């Protein structure tokens, strides 16, 4: 993906953190979708394992996008 980067590598640990308003907006929308979908599934009587499976699938689906929009590589950082 081209264009500006929404995330930057974490200073400590592994992964990325939002770097500008687009990254923060992406995370807020993602969290809102997960919360609403989870509440809907629980309200409909879905099993807890199904809710966990769907949330894990959504999280796994967005990781490539976050990696593509990160300004730098993901690696473990101690200092």
Protein backbone atom coordinates (compact mmCIF):
# COMPACT_ATOMS: atom_id res chain seq x y z
CA UNK A 1 0.00 0.00 0.00
CA UNK A 2 1.19 3.47 -0.74
CA UNK A 3 0.52 6.82 0.85
CA UNK A 4 1.00 8.15 4.31
CA UNK A 5 1.58 5.86 7.25
CA UNK A 6 -1.03 5.60 10.00
CA UNK A 7 1.07 3.65 12.51
CA UNK A 8 4.63 3.60 13.81
CA UNK A 9 6.56 0.72 15.36
CA UNK A 10 6.23 0.47 19.13
CA UNK A 11 9.15 1.81 21.10
CA UNK A 12 9.21 -1.27 23.35
CA UNK A 13 7.86 -4.71 22.50
CA UNK A 14 6.41 -5.93 19.22
CA UNK A 15 3.84 -4.33 16.94
CA UNK A 16 2.70 -0.84 16.09
CA UNK A 17 0.86 2.07 17.64
CA UNK A 18 -1.26 4.77 15.99
CA UNK A 19 0.83 7.69 14.77
CA UNK A 20 -1.77 10.16 13.49
CA UNK A 21 -5.51 10.77 13.44
CA UNK A 22 -6.08 8.19 10.71
CA UNK A 23 -4.50 5.44 12.82
CA UNK A 24 -6.48 6.49 15.88
CA UNK A 25 -9.72 6.67 13.86
CA UNK A 26 -9.05 3.20 12.44
CA UNK A 27 -8.55 1.78 15.93
CA UNK A 28 -11.68 3.49 17.32
CA UNK A 29 -13.81 2.15 14.45
CA UNK A 30 -12.30 -1.35 14.85
CA UNK A 31 -12.97 -1.40 18.59
CA UNK A 32 -16.53 -0.10 18.05
CA UNK A 33 -17.20 -2.86 15.48
CA UNK A 34 -15.85 -5.55 17.82
CA UNK A 35 -17.90 -4.29 20.79
CA UNK A 36 -21.15 -3.93 18.83
CA UNK A 37 -20.73 -7.29 17.09
CA UNK A 38 -19.89 -9.02 20.38
CA UNK A 39 -22.90 -7.51 22.13
CA UNK A 40 -25.18 -8.49 19.25
CA UNK A 41 -23.89 -12.08 19.27
CA UNK A 42 -24.19 -12.39 23.04
CA UNK A 43 -27.69 -10.92 22.94
CA UNK A 44 -28.70 -13.48 20.30
CA UNK A 45 -27.49 -16.27 22.59
CA UNK A 46 -24.29 -17.19 20.76
CA UNK A 47 -21.76 -19.25 22.64
CA UNK A 48 -18.81 -17.42 24.15
CA UNK A 49 -16.35 -19.46 22.08
CA UNK A 50 -18.05 -18.24 18.89
CA UNK A 51 -17.68 -14.60 19.96
CA UNK A 52 -14.00 -15.17 20.75
CA UNK A 53 -13.48 -16.92 17.41
CA UNK A 54 -15.07 -14.07 15.45
CA UNK A 55 -13.11 -11.38 17.31
CA UNK A 56 -9.87 -13.33 16.75
CA UNK A 57 -10.71 -13.64 13.05
CA UNK A 58 -11.36 -9.92 12.73
CA UNK A 59 -8.13 -9.13 14.52
CA UNK A 60 -6.19 -11.48 12.27
CA UNK A 61 -7.78 -9.87 9.22
CA UNK A 62 -6.69 -6.33 10.10
CA UNK A 63 -3.09 -7.12 11.05
CA UNK A 64 -1.85 -7.13 7.41
CA UNK A 65 -3.44 -3.70 6.87
CA UNK A 66 -1.82 -2.32 10.02
CA UNK A 67 1.55 -3.77 8.98
CA UNK A 68 1.20 -2.21 5.53
CA UNK A 69 0.35 1.18 7.04
CA UNK A 70 3.26 1.10 9.55
CA UNK A 71 6.24 3.38 8.95
CA UNK A 72 8.95 0.80 9.63
CA UNK A 73 9.28 -2.89 10.31
CA UNK A 74 7.70 -4.90 13.09
CA UNK A 75 10.35 -6.45 15.31
CA UNK A 76 10.95 -6.95 19.00
CA UNK A 77 12.47 -3.87 20.63
CA UNK A 78 14.11 -3.97 24.05
CA UNK A 79 15.36 -0.38 24.13
